[in-house]
Amino acid sequence: MLIPKHRLLLFFFFLLPTVVHATATENLKNFIDETKTVRAVFSQTLLDKNARTIQESSGTMLFERPSKFRWIYEEPYEQIIVGDGERVWFYDADLNQVTVRQFDIAIGSSPAALLAGNSAIEDNFELVELGQQNQLKWLEATPKSNESAFEFIQLGFTIDGTLQIMALRDTLGQTTLLTFAELDKNPVLPADSFEFTPPENADVISD
């Protein structure tokens, strides 16, 4: 359950080192310092500003610090988001459409920047401890940039330092809840995991 003072929303994830007495902030920083790659499955629920469910989805994700990720939505619609360090590719299979953005612009103060960026997370986010609730330690990260699509991101860590839930609220008041499972820390990933080639005849839109 989330910290009740907020309702919450999206994007990216991961297994953190085992630090039983660490705060949520320490868990996040330990993750950034010690985790190179991650593989996980996720379930995602999108809520409107009245906390009513709009959509449920699920999929898998891969991640390689400091700037590569692959986020695959398998249900109910196929979508792929790939960050290769220079660009971010958004592919919608139903529309056969690819949107390409420069990496620095697309990632900005997003969840990907929080977890997949460099170690200087406090350059982009204000971090506040929210305490412990329902066996999870909670941290809130508020983007410093006024151009971020998110008002804040809340992260819930288990006692042993595993990131279990992300809750992100966007500027429209919608909330995305992400729950992670089968987290694999520092797996060896295929070399082409973060490459993306638009499908034949796809409509490609770029900045």
Protein backbone atom coordinates (compact mmCIF):
# COMPACT_ATOMS: atom_id res chain seq x y z
CA MET A 1 0.00 0.00 0.00
CA LEU A 2 1.22 3.50 -0.79
CA ILE A 3 1.96 6.27 1.64
CA PRO A 4 -1.58 7.66 2.12
CA LYS A 5 -0.73 11.36 1.77
CA HIS A 6 -0.29 10.89 -1.98
CA ARG A 7 -2.14 9.11 -4.77
CA LEU A 8 0.46 8.38 -7.24
CA LEU A 9 2.15 7.25 -11.37
CA LEU A 10 5.19 5.27 -14.32
CA PHE A 11 8.25 4.04 -16.17
CA PHE A 12 11.61 1.66 -14.97
CA PHE A 13 12.42 -1.52 -11.68
CA PHE A 14 15.22 -3.35 -9.80
CA LEU A 15 17.05 -5.55 -7.29
CA LEU A 16 19.18 -3.71 -4.77
CA PRO A 17 22.04 -4.94 -2.56
CA THR A 18 21.12 -6.54 0.74
CA VAL A 19 21.39 -3.84 3.41
CA VAL A 20 19.02 -4.81 6.19
CA HIS A 21 19.33 -1.60 8.23
CA ALA A 22 19.69 0.82 5.32
CA THR A 23 17.23 3.62 4.68
CA ALA A 24 15.32 3.75 1.40
CA THR A 25 17.65 6.52 0.20
CA GLU A 26 20.70 4.38 1.02
CA ASN A 27 19.14 1.44 -0.82
CA LEU A 28 18.65 3.57 -3.91
CA LYS A 29 22.21 4.88 -3.82
CA ASN A 30 23.60 1.38 -3.21
CA PHE A 31 21.71 0.19 -6.26
CA ILE A 32 23.20 2.91 -8.43
CA ASP A 33 26.70 2.24 -7.12
CA GLU A 34 26.65 -1.55 -7.28
CA THR A 35 24.15 -2.67 -9.91
CA LYS A 36 25.33 -2.79 -13.52
CA THR A 37 22.56 -4.79 -15.21
CA VAL A 38 19.03 -5.88 -14.30
CA ARG A 39 16.41 -8.22 -15.73
CA ALA A 40 12.86 -8.33 -14.33
CA VAL A 41 9.18 -8.82 -15.07
CA PHE A 42 6.62 -6.22 -14.10
CA SER A 43 2.92 -5.57 -13.78
CA GLN A 44 1.60 -2.06 -14.25
CA THR A 45 -1.67 -0.40 -13.26
CA LEU A 46 -2.67 3.04 -14.51
CA LEU A 47 -5.08 4.96 -12.25
CA ASP A 48 -6.97 8.16 -12.96
CA LYS A 49 -6.92 11.12 -10.57
CA ASN A 50 -9.77 9.49 -8.58
CA ALA A 51 -7.72 6.27 -8.16
CA ARG A 52 -9.92 4.32 -10.59
CA THR A 53 -8.17 1.75 -12.78
CA ILE A 54 -7.79 2.86 -16.41
CA GLN A 55 -5.54 0.11 -17.72
CA GLU A 56 -3.55 -2.90 -16.57
CA SER A 57 -0.50 -4.19 -18.43
CA SER A 58 2.54 -6.40 -17.96
CA GLY A 59 5.85 -7.24 -19.53
CA THR A 60 9.59 -7.52 -19.06
CA MET A 61 12.51 -5.13 -18.77
CA LEU A 62 16.27 -5.13 -19.21
CA PHE A 63 18.62 -2.48 -17.96
CA GLU A 64 22.30 -1.64 -18.20
CA ARG A 65 23.75 1.33 -16.38
CA PRO A 66 24.42 4.08 -16.98
CA SER A 67 22.10 4.72 -19.93
CA LYS A 68 20.64 1.65 -21.64
CA PHE A 69 17.27 -0.04 -21.14
CA ARG A 70 14.65 -2.12 -22.92
CA TRP A 71 11.08 -2.00 -21.63
CA ILE A 72 8.68 -4.44 -23.31
CA TYR A 73 4.92 -4.33 -22.83
CA GLU A 74 3.45 -7.71 -23.76
CA GLU A 75 -0.14 -7.37 -22.51
CA PRO A 76 -2.65 -6.03 -23.43
CA TYR A 77 -0.83 -4.29 -26.32
CA GLU A 78 2.66 -4.80 -27.66
CA GLN A 79 4.89 -1.77 -27.11
CA ILE A 80 8.65 -1.47 -26.83
CA ILE A 81 10.76 1.35 -25.38
CA VAL A 82 14.51 1.14 -25.98
CA GLY A 83 17.19 3.52 -24.76
CA ASP A 84 20.55 2.99 -26.47
CA GLY A 85 22.42 5.82 -24.76
CA GLU A 86 21.98 8.25 -27.65
CA ARG A 87 18.31 7.90 -28.54
CA VAL A 88 15.09 6.54 -27.07
CA TRP A 89 12.88 4.51 -29.39
CA PHE A 90 9.13 4.12 -28.73
CA TYR A 91 7.49 1.41 -30.84
CA ASP A 92 3.72 0.80 -30.98
CA ALA A 93 3.08 -2.51 -32.76
CA ASP A 94 -0.64 -1.90 -33.34
CA LEU A 95 0.06 1.41 -35.08
CA ASN A 96 3.31 0.16 -36.62
CA GLN A 97 4.72 3.50 -35.52
CA VAL A 98 8.13 4.41 -34.09
CA THR A 99 8.87 7.67 -32.30
CA VAL A 100 12.54 8.59 -31.81
CA ARG A 101 13.82 11.19 -29.37
CA GLN A 102 17.26 12.33 -28.31
CA PHE A 103 18.26 10.44 -25.17
CA ASP A 104 18.96 13.46 -22.93
CA ILE A 105 15.65 15.09 -23.87
CA ALA A 106 13.56 11.94 -23.52
CA ILE A 107 15.08 10.69 -20.28
CA GLY A 108 15.28 14.04 -18.46
CA SER A 109 13.86 13.76 -14.95
CA SER A 110 12.06 10.50 -15.69
CA PRO A 111 12.14 7.26 -13.68
CA ALA A 112 14.79 6.05 -16.10
CA ALA A 113 16.98 9.01 -15.13
CA LEU A 114 16.46 8.15 -11.47
CA LEU A 115 17.50 4.50 -11.78
CA ALA A 116 19.43 4.23 -15.03
CA GLY A 117 21.32 7.49 -14.87
CA ASN A 118 24.61 8.38 -13.27
CA SER A 119 25.35 8.38 -9.56
CA ALA A 120 24.56 12.09 -9.10
CA ILE A 121 20.84 11.47 -8.59
CA GLU A 122 20.45 14.43 -6.26
CA ASP A 123 21.40 16.73 -9.14
CA ASN A 124 18.03 15.92 -10.71
CA PHE A 125 15.83 14.87 -7.79
CA GLU A 126 14.93 15.96 -4.28
CA LEU A 127 14.94 12.79 -2.12
CA VAL A 128 12.75 12.53 0.98
CA GLU A 129 12.35 9.56 3.33
CA LEU A 130 8.68 8.62 3.90
CA GLY A 131 9.25 5.98 6.57
CA GLN A 132 8.11 2.37 6.76
CA GLN A 133 4.65 1.03 6.03
CA ASN A 134 3.42 -2.54 5.45
CA GLN A 135 6.95 -3.97 5.62
CA LEU A 136 8.25 -1.56 2.95
CA LYS A 137 10.59 1.41 3.33
CA TRP A 138 9.43 4.36 1.24
CA LEU A 139 11.31 7.11 -0.56
CA GLU A 140 9.90 9.99 -2.57
CA ALA A 141 11.87 11.53 -5.45
CA THR A 142 10.67 14.89 -6.79
CA PRO A 143 12.16 16.08 -10.10
CA LYS A 144 13.94 19.43 -9.85
CA SER A 145 13.17 20.24 -13.47
CA ASN A 146 9.90 22.05 -14.17
CA GLU A 147 9.75 20.25 -17.52
CA SER A 148 9.41 16.77 -16.07
CA ALA A 149 6.24 14.82 -16.95
CA PHE A 150 6.06 13.57 -13.36
CA GLU A 151 5.19 15.37 -10.16
CA PHE A 152 6.92 12.75 -8.03
CA ILE A 153 8.03 9.14 -7.86
CA GLN A 154 7.64 6.96 -4.78
CA LEU A 155 9.74 3.82 -4.30
CA GLY A 156 8.99 1.01 -1.86
CA PHE A 157 11.86 -1.25 -0.74
CA THR A 158 11.64 -4.50 1.18
CA ILE A 159 13.58 -4.79 4.43
CA ASP A 160 16.46 -6.51 2.62
CA GLY A 161 16.76 -3.65 0.12
CA THR A 162 14.85 -4.98 -2.90
CA LEU A 163 12.83 -2.46 -4.90
CA GLN A 164 9.33 -3.91 -5.01
CA ILE A 165 7.02 -1.04 -6.02
CA MET A 166 7.29 2.23 -7.91
CA ALA A 167 4.41 4.69 -7.85
CA LEU A 168 4.55 7.68 -10.15
CA ARG A 169 2.12 10.56 -10.52
CA ASP A 170 2.09 12.60 -13.69
CA THR A 171 1.18 16.24 -14.14
CA LEU A 172 -2.41 15.27 -15.09
CA GLY A 173 -2.94 13.59 -11.72
CA GLN A 174 -2.81 10.06 -13.10
CA THR A 175 -0.83 7.43 -11.24
CA THR A 176 1.17 4.47 -12.54
CA LEU A 177 1.87 1.62 -10.11
CA LEU A 178 4.68 -0.77 -11.04
CA THR A 179 5.27 -4.02 -9.18
CA PHE A 180 8.45 -6.01 -9.90
CA ALA A 181 9.10 -9.74 -9.69
CA GLU A 182 11.80 -12.24 -10.70
CA LEU A 183 14.43 -9.54 -10.29
CA ASP A 184 17.84 -10.68 -11.49
CA LYS A 185 20.74 -8.46 -10.46
CA ASN A 186 23.81 -8.16 -12.70
CA PRO A 187 22.89 -10.84 -15.28
CA VAL A 188 24.94 -11.18 -18.46
CA LEU A 189 22.80 -9.66 -21.21
CA PRO A 190 23.11 -10.23 -24.98
CA ALA A 191 25.18 -7.57 -26.75
CA ASP A 192 22.24 -6.49 -28.93
CA SER A 193 19.77 -6.11 -26.04
CA PHE A 194 19.65 -2.32 -26.41
CA GLU A 195 19.65 -2.04 -30.19
CA PHE A 196 16.48 -1.20 -32.08
CA THR A 197 15.76 -1.28 -35.81
CA PRO A 198 12.35 0.02 -36.92
CA PRO A 199 10.23 -2.71 -38.55
CA GLU A 200 9.81 -2.59 -42.30
CA ASN A 201 7.18 -0.07 -43.42
CA ALA A 202 6.86 1.40 -39.93
CA ASP A 203 6.03 5.10 -39.71
CA VAL A 204 9.07 6.72 -38.05
CA ILE A 205 8.68 10.09 -36.31
CA SER A 206 11.72 11.86 -34.90
CA ASP A 207 12.44 15.15 -33.12
